[in-house]
PDB file of N, CA and C in Angstrom:
ATOM      1  N   MET A   1       1.072  -1.258  -0.015  1.00  0.00           N
ATOM      2  CA  MET A   1       0.331  -0.085   0.251  1.00  0.00           C
ATOM      3  C   MET A   1       0.781   0.679   0.219  1.00  0.00           C
ATOM      4  N   ASN A   2       0.326   1.975  -0.922  1.00  0.00           N
ATOM      5  CA  ASN A   2       1.554   3.642  -1.020  1.00  0.00           C
ATOM      6  C   ASN A   2       0.814   4.227   0.065  1.00  0.00           C
ATOM      7  N   LEU A   3       1.945   5.731   0.040  1.00  0.00           N
ATOM      8  CA  LEU A   3       1.963   5.719   1.704  1.00  0.00           C
ATOM      9  C   LEU A   3       0.858   7.036   1.542  1.00  0.00           C
ATOM     10  N   ALA A   4       0.710   7.826   0.560  1.00  0.00           N
ATOM     11  CA  ALA A   4      -0.258   8.441   0.792  1.00  0.00           C
ATOM     12  C   ALA A   4      -2.252   8.215   1.176  1.00  0.00           C
ATOM     13  N   LYS A   5      -1.860   6.750  -0.081  1.00  0.00           N
ATOM     14  CA  LYS A   5      -3.460   5.897   0.637  1.00  0.00           C
ATOM     15  C   LYS A   5      -3.681   5.671   1.927  1.00  0.00           C
ATOM     16  N   LYS A   6      -2.209   5.310   2.870  1.00  0.00           N
ATOM     17  CA  LYS A   6      -1.776   4.930   3.935  1.00  0.00           C
ATOM     18  C   LYS A   6      -2.657   6.140   4.775  1.00  0.00           C
ATOM     19  N   LEU A   7      -2.243   7.215   4.484  1.00  0.00           N
ATOM     20  CA  LEU A   7      -2.595   7.931   5.292  1.00  0.00           C
ATOM     21  C   LEU A   7      -3.986   8.581   5.171  1.00  0.00           C
ATOM     22  N   GLY A   8      -4.968   8.515   3.978  1.00  0.00           N
ATOM     23  CA  GLY A   8      -5.738   8.812   3.898  1.00  0.00           C
ATOM     24  C   GLY A   8      -5.675  10.267   3.254  1.00  0.00           C
ATOM     25  N   LEU A   9      -4.678  10.772   2.160  1.00  0.00           N
ATOM     26  CA  LEU A   9      -4.667  11.941   2.140  1.00  0.00           C
ATOM     27  C   LEU A   9      -5.679  11.617   0.397  1.00  0.00           C
ATOM     28  N   LYS A  10      -6.163  12.824   0.043  1.00  0.00           N
ATOM     29  CA  LYS A  10      -6.961  12.902  -1.047  1.00  0.00           C
ATOM     30  C   LYS A  10      -6.388  13.476  -2.359  1.00  0.00           C
ATOM     31  N   LYS A  11      -6.806  12.842  -2.968  1.00  0.00           N
ATOM     32  CA  LYS A  11      -6.158  14.086  -4.145  1.00  0.00           C
ATOM     33  C   LYS A  11      -5.467  15.628  -4.215  1.00  0.00           C
ATOM     34  N   GLY A  12      -4.639  15.957  -4.652  1.00  0.00           N
ATOM     35  CA  GLY A  12      -4.170  17.113  -5.048  1.00  0.00           C
ATOM     36  C   GLY A  12      -2.727  17.546  -4.430  1.00  0.00           C
ATOM     37  N   THR A  13      -2.288  18.697  -4.165  1.00  0.00           N
ATOM     38  CA  THR A  13      -0.814  19.688  -3.851  1.00  0.00           C
ATOM     39  C   THR A  13      -0.861  20.039  -2.441  1.00  0.00           C
ATOM     40  N   TYR A  14       0.168  18.781  -1.989  1.00  0.00           N
ATOM     41  CA  TYR A  14       0.519  19.358  -0.159  1.00  0.00           C
ATOM     42  C   TYR A  14       1.574  19.811  -0.068  1.00  0.00           C
ATOM     43  N   LEU A  15       2.072  20.570   0.580  1.00  0.00           N
ATOM     44  CA  LEU A  15       3.384  21.497   1.003  1.00  0.00           C
ATOM     45  C   LEU A  15       3.545  20.467   2.326  1.00  0.00           C
ATOM     46  N   PHE A  16       5.162  20.646   2.343  1.00  0.00           N
ATOM     47  CA  PHE A  16       5.492  19.758   3.925  1.00  0.00           C
ATOM     48  C   PHE A  16       6.798  20.448   3.820  1.00  0.00           C
ATOM     49  N   SER A  17       6.825  20.168   5.219  1.00  0.00           N
ATOM     50  CA  SER A  17       8.552  20.461   5.690  1.00  0.00           C
ATOM     51  C   SER A  17       9.075  19.177   6.346  1.00  0.00           C
ATOM     52  N   ASN A  18      10.710  19.040   6.065  1.00  0.00           N
ATOM     53  CA  ASN A  18      11.145  17.669   6.485  1.00  0.00           C
ATOM     54  C   ASN A  18      12.092  18.489   7.870  1.00  0.00           C
ATOM     55  N   CYS A  19      11.626  17.826   9.134  1.00  0.00           N
ATOM     56  CA  CYS A  19      12.795  19.282   9.824  1.00  0.00           C
ATOM     57  C   CYS A  19      14.623  18.422   9.573  1.00  0.00           C
ATOM     58  N   ALA A  20      14.980  16.875   9.010  1.00  0.00           N
ATOM     59  CA  ALA A  20      15.394  16.245   9.230  1.00  0.00           C
ATOM     60  C   ALA A  20      16.454  16.207   8.262  1.00  0.00           C
ATOM     61  N   LYS A  21      16.411  17.333   7.467  1.00  0.00           N
ATOM     62  CA  LYS A  21      16.993  18.001   5.712  1.00  0.00           C
ATOM     63  C   LYS A  21      17.829  19.343   6.664  1.00  0.00           C
ATOM     64  N   MET A  22      17.389  19.489   7.931  1.00  0.00           N
ATOM     65  CA  MET A  22      18.159  20.570   8.571  1.00  0.00           C
ATOM     66  C   MET A  22      19.057  20.049   9.574  1.00  0.00           C
ATOM     67  N   PRO A  23      20.625  20.478   9.506  1.00  0.00           N
ATOM     68  CA  PRO A  23      21.523  20.264  10.607  1.00  0.00           C
ATOM     69  C   PRO A  23      21.127  20.619  11.873  1.00  0.00           C
ATOM     70  N   SER A  24      21.442  19.410  13.039  1.00  0.00           N
ATOM     71  CA  SER A  24      20.509  19.562  14.690  1.00  0.00           C
ATOM     72  C   SER A  24      21.286  18.592  15.272  1.00  0.00           C
ATOM     73  N   LYS A  25      21.900  19.228  16.166  1.00  0.00           N
ATOM     74  CA  LYS A  25      22.239  18.424  17.190  1.00  0.00           C
ATOM     75  C   LYS A  25      21.329  16.971  17.770  1.00  0.00           C
ATOM     76  N   MET A  26      20.203  17.672  17.549  1.00  0.00           N
ATOM     77  CA  MET A  26      18.467  16.764  18.525  1.00  0.00           C
ATOM     78  C   MET A  26      18.363  15.468  16.970  1.00  0.00           C
ATOM     79  N   LYS A  27      19.121  15.587  16.126  1.00  0.00           N
ATOM     80  CA  LYS A  27      18.801  14.537  15.226  1.00  0.00           C
ATOM     81  C   LYS A  27      17.106  14.766  14.760  1.00  0.00           C
ATOM     82  N   CYS A  28      16.782  15.783  15.120  1.00  0.00           N
ATOM     83  CA  CYS A  28      14.982  15.799  15.022  1.00  0.00           C
ATOM     84  C   CYS A  28      14.248  15.223  13.457  1.00  0.00           C
ATOM     85  N   ARG A  29      13.458  14.732  13.128  1.00  0.00           N
ATOM     86  CA  ARG A  29      12.851  13.928  12.304  1.00  0.00           C
ATOM     87  C   ARG A  29      11.294  14.614  12.076  1.00  0.00           C
ATOM     88  N   LEU A  30      10.698  15.827  12.581  1.00  0.00           N
ATOM     89  CA  LEU A  30       9.109  15.310  12.228  1.00  0.00           C
ATOM     90  C   LEU A  30       9.120  16.179  11.110  1.00  0.00           C
ATOM     91  N   LEU A  31       8.154  15.721  10.617  1.00  0.00           N
ATOM     92  CA  LEU A  31       7.560  15.830   9.399  1.00  0.00           C
ATOM     93  C   LEU A  31       5.977  17.015   9.682  1.00  0.00           C
ATOM     94  N   LEU A  32       6.144  18.029   8.714  1.00  0.00           N
ATOM     95  CA  LEU A  32       4.451  19.217   9.421  1.00  0.00           C
ATOM     96  C   LEU A  32       4.241  18.771   7.428  1.00  0.00           C
ATOM     97  N   MET A  33       2.865  18.598   7.283  1.00  0.00           N
ATOM     98  CA  MET A  33       2.661  18.149   5.613  1.00  0.00           C
ATOM     99  C   MET A  33       1.345  18.804   5.996  1.00  0.00           C
ATOM    100  N   GLY A  34       1.046  19.316   4.962  1.00  0.00           N
ATOM    101  CA  GLY A  34      -0.810  19.929   4.391  1.00  0.00           C
ATOM    102  C   GLY A  34      -1.101  20.726   3.247  1.00  0.00           C
ATOM    103  N   PRO A  35      -2.068  20.215   3.496  1.00  0.00           N
ATOM    104  CA  PRO A  35      -2.836  21.009   1.750  1.00  0.00           C
ATOM    105  C   PRO A  35      -2.249  22.438   1.183  1.00  0.00           C
ATOM    106  N   VAL A  36      -2.189  22.316   0.066  1.00  0.00           N
ATOM    107  CA  VAL A  36      -1.321  23.889  -0.448  1.00  0.00           C
ATOM    108  C   VAL A  36      -2.245  25.180   0.051  1.00  0.00           C
ATOM    109  N   ARG A  37      -3.536  24.926   0.300  1.00  0.00           N
ATOM    110  CA  ARG A  37      -4.451  26.312   0.919  1.00  0.00           C
ATOM    111  C   ARG A  37      -4.485  26.283   2.195  1.00  0.00           C
ATOM    112  N   GLN A  38      -3.496  25.393   2.969  1.00  0.00           N
ATOM    113  CA  GLN A  38      -3.119  25.996   4.455  1.00  0.00           C
ATOM    114  C   GLN A  38      -1.700  25.699   5.044  1.00  0.00           C
ATOM    115  N   LYS A  39      -1.226  26.753   3.499  1.00  0.00           N
ATOM    116  CA  LYS A  39       0.226  27.189   3.833  1.00  0.00           C
ATOM    117  C   LYS A  39       0.456  27.975   4.730  1.00  0.00           C
ATOM    118  N   LYS A  40      -0.477  29.138   5.201  1.00  0.00           N
ATOM    119  CA  LYS A  40      -0.241  29.846   6.712  1.00  0.00           C
ATOM    120  C   LYS A  40      -0.406  28.817   7.778  1.00  0.00           C
ATOM    121  N   ASP A  41      -0.812  28.080   7.943  1.00  0.00           N
ATOM    122  CA  ASP A  41      -1.017  26.933   9.032  1.00  0.00           C
ATOM    123  C   ASP A  41       0.092  26.830   9.123  1.00  0.00           C
ATOM    124  N   LEU A  42       0.201  25.980   7.760  1.00  0.00           N
ATOM    125  CA  LEU A  42       1.925  25.305   7.598  1.00  0.00           C
ATOM    126  C   LEU A  42       2.894  25.604   8.306  1.00  0.00           C
ATOM    127  N   LEU A  43       3.113  26.975   8.364  1.00  0.00           N
ATOM    128  CA  LEU A  43       4.700  27.569   8.025  1.00  0.00           C
ATOM    129  C   LEU A  43       4.207  28.265   9.575  1.00  0.00           C
ATOM    130  N   ALA A  44       2.858  28.626  10.554  1.00  0.00           N
ATOM    131  CA  ALA A  44       2.985  29.042  11.820  1.00  0.00           C
ATOM    132  C   ALA A  44       3.176  27.731  12.656  1.00  0.00           C
ATOM    133  N   ALA A  45       3.352  26.537  12.191  1.00  0.00           N
ATOM    134  CA  ALA A  45       3.546  25.307  13.551  1.00  0.00           C
ATOM    135  C   ALA A  45       4.753  25.057  12.766  1.00  0.00           C
ATOM    136  N   GLY A  46       5.877  25.279  11.796  1.00  0.00           N
ATOM    137  CA  GLY A  46       6.617  25.079  11.347  1.00  0.00           C
ATOM    138  C   GLY A  46       7.345  26.100  12.349  1.00  0.00           C
ATOM    139  N   ILE A  47       7.013  27.208  12.361  1.00  0.00           N
ATOM    140  CA  ILE A  47       7.578  28.369  13.362  1.00  0.00           C
ATOM    141  C   ILE A  47       7.924  27.739  14.790  1.00  0.00           C
ATOM    142  N   GLU A  48       6.661  27.735  15.211  1.00  0.00           N
ATOM    143  CA  GLU A  48       6.641  27.476  16.606  1.00  0.00           C
ATOM    144  C   GLU A  48       7.495  26.204  17.061  1.00  0.00           C
ATOM    145  N   HIS A  49       7.775  24.978  15.728  1.00  0.00           N
ATOM    146  CA  HIS A  49       8.293  24.501  16.337  1.00  0.00           C
ATOM    147  C   HIS A  49       9.769  24.495  16.428  1.00  0.00           C
ATOM    148  N   MET A  50      10.062  25.857  15.420  1.00  0.00           N
ATOM    149  CA  MET A  50      11.541  25.981  15.145  1.00  0.00           C
ATOM    150  C   MET A  50      11.976  27.105  16.514  1.00  0.00           C
ATOM    151  N   ILE A  51      10.932  27.487  17.267  1.00  0.00           N
ATOM    152  CA  ILE A  51      10.784  28.406  18.463  1.00  0.00           C
ATOM    153  C   ILE A  51      11.204  27.480  19.872  1.00  0.00           C
ATOM    154  N   LYS A  52       9.779  26.845  19.855  1.00  0.00           N
ATOM    155  CA  LYS A  52      10.230  26.140  21.010  1.00  0.00           C
ATOM    156  C   LYS A  52      10.874  24.957  21.287  1.00  0.00           C
ATOM    157  N   VAL A  53      11.198  23.797  20.296  1.00  0.00           N
ATOM    158  CA  VAL A  53      12.029  22.790  20.296  1.00  0.00           C
ATOM    159  C   VAL A  53      13.507  23.579  19.677  1.00  0.00           C
ATOM    160  N   HIS A  54      13.823  23.873  18.678  1.00  0.00           N
ATOM    161  CA  HIS A  54      15.161  24.400  18.411  1.00  0.00           C
ATOM    162  C   HIS A  54      15.630  25.466  19.019  1.00  0.00           C
ATOM    163  N   LYS A  55      14.713  26.577  19.440  1.00  0.00           N
ATOM    164  CA  LYS A  55      15.050  27.954  20.638  1.00  0.00           C
ATOM    165  C   LYS A  55      15.555  28.711  19.427  1.00  0.00           C
ATOM    166  N   HIS A  56      15.041  28.765  18.470  1.00  0.00           N
ATOM    167  CA  HIS A  56      15.322  29.857  17.547  1.00  0.00           C
ATOM    168  C   HIS A  56      14.492  31.075  17.938  1.00  0.00           C
ATOM    169  N   LYS A  57      15.073  32.469  17.531  1.00  0.00           N
ATOM    170  CA  LYS A  57      14.448  33.165  18.483  1.00  0.00           C
ATOM    171  C   LYS A  57      13.772  33.755  16.551  1.00  0.00           C
ATOM    172  N   ARG A  58      12.298  34.191  16.884  1.00  0.00           N
ATOM    173  CA  ARG A  58      11.323  35.081  16.390  1.00  0.00           C
ATOM    174  C   ARG A  58      11.809  35.952  15.448  1.00  0.00           C
ATOM    175  N   SER A  59      11.727  35.884  14.437  1.00  0.00           N
ATOM    176  CA  SER A  59      12.542  36.741  13.268  1.00  0.00           C
ATOM    177  C   SER A  59      11.688  36.403  11.891  1.00  0.00           C
ATOM    178  N   PRO A  60      12.143  37.567  11.051  1.00  0.00           N
ATOM    179  CA  PRO A  60      11.654  37.615   9.766  1.00  0.00           C
ATOM    180  C   PRO A  60      12.656  36.481   8.733  1.00  0.00           C
ATOM    181  N   LYS A  61      13.816  36.698   9.184  1.00  0.00           N
ATOM    182  CA  LYS A  61      15.036  35.605   8.832  1.00  0.00           C
ATOM    183  C   LYS A  61      14.317  34.528   9.577  1.00  0.00           C
ATOM    184  N   LEU A  62      13.670  34.351  10.805  1.00  0.00           N
ATOM    185  CA  LEU A  62      12.756  33.001  10.801  1.00  0.00           C
ATOM    186  C   LEU A  62      12.087  32.573   9.480  1.00  0.00           C
ATOM    187  N   TYR A  63      10.719  33.663   9.785  1.00  0.00           N
ATOM    188  CA  TYR A  63       9.999  32.999   8.977  1.00  0.00           C
ATOM    189  C   TYR A  63      10.497  32.821   6.981  1.00  0.00           C
ATOM    190  N   LYS A  64      11.462  33.638   6.994  1.00  0.00           N
ATOM    191  CA  LYS A  64      11.945  33.326   5.111  1.00  0.00           C
ATOM    192  C   LYS A  64      12.474  31.541   5.147  1.00  0.00           C
ATOM    193  N   GLU A  65      13.174  31.630   6.161  1.00  0.00           N
ATOM    194  CA  GLU A  65      13.757  30.269   6.469  1.00  0.00           C
ATOM    195  C   GLU A  65      12.697  28.725   6.211  1.00  0.00           C
ATOM    196  N   ALA A  66      11.977  29.116   7.479  1.00  0.00           N
ATOM    197  CA  ALA A  66      10.814  27.973   7.241  1.00  0.00           C
ATOM    198  C   ALA A  66       9.911  27.994   5.629  1.00  0.00           C
ATOM    199  N   ALA A  67       9.175  29.284   5.392  1.00  0.00           N
ATOM    200  CA  ALA A  67       9.204  28.984   3.842  1.00  0.00           C
ATOM    201  C   ALA A  67       9.611  28.915   3.128  1.00  0.00           C
ATOM    202  N   GLY A  68      11.013  28.436   3.049  1.00  0.00           N
ATOM    203  CA  GLY A  68      12.057  28.004   2.243  1.00  0.00           C
ATOM    204  C   GLY A  68      12.246  26.616   2.510  1.00  0.00           C
ATOM    205  N   MET A  69      11.590  26.165   3.748  1.00  0.00           N
ATOM    206  CA  MET A  69      11.919  24.596   3.695  1.00  0.00           C
ATOM    207  C   MET A  69      10.769  24.073   2.971  1.00  0.00           C
ATOM    208  N   LEU A  70       9.615  24.546   2.760  1.00  0.00           N
ATOM    209  CA  LEU A  70       8.699  23.888   1.866  1.00  0.00           C
ATOM    210  C   LEU A  70       8.479  23.511   0.592  1.00  0.00           C
ATOM    211  N   GLU A  71       8.547  22.225   0.425  1.00  0.00           N
ATOM    212  CA  GLU A  71       8.625  21.665  -0.479  1.00  0.00           C
ATOM    213  C   GLU A  71       6.829  21.139  -0.966  1.00  0.00           C
ATOM    214  N   ARG A  72       6.704  21.108  -2.115  1.00  0.00           N
ATOM    215  CA  ARG A  72       5.652  20.521  -2.826  1.00  0.00           C
ATOM    216  C   ARG A  72       5.509  18.766  -3.050  1.00  0.00           C
ATOM    217  N   VAL A  73       4.337  18.153  -2.947  1.00  0.00           N
ATOM    218  CA  VAL A  73       4.159  17.066  -3.585  1.00  0.00           C
ATOM    219  C   VAL A  73       2.843  16.857  -3.983  1.00  0.00           C
ATOM    220  N   THR A  74       2.508  16.281  -5.025  1.00  0.00           N
ATOM    221  CA  THR A  74       1.103  15.601  -5.832  1.00  0.00           C
ATOM    222  C   THR A  74       0.676  14.285  -5.107  1.00  0.00           C
ATOM    223  N   VAL A  75      -0.684  14.551  -4.673  1.00  0.00           N
ATOM    224  CA  VAL A  75      -1.380  13.071  -4.412  1.00  0.00           C
ATOM    225  C   VAL A  75      -1.990  12.720  -5.615  1.00  0.00           C
ATOM    226  N   ALA A  76      -2.005  11.164  -6.507  1.00  0.00           N
ATOM    227  CA  ALA A  76      -2.427  11.700  -8.026  1.00  0.00           C
ATOM    228  C   ALA A  76      -3.686  10.728  -7.185  1.00  0.00           C
TER     229      ALA A  76
END
């Protein structure tokens, strides 16, 4: 069974952020994912994770970094 079906994802385009792609002493493996139409929600969740877990400071640079981490995936 493919992962999209197992997760119950509907057809469409999604954005995801993979914390494991960022260098970290914690070796964080958190994945955040949501439909494109909820980009603001996904960014907000990612930024809160970056602040609370990884101890980053809230700044315009952090918002830009979080937005740059988003990748697209299409579920057919």
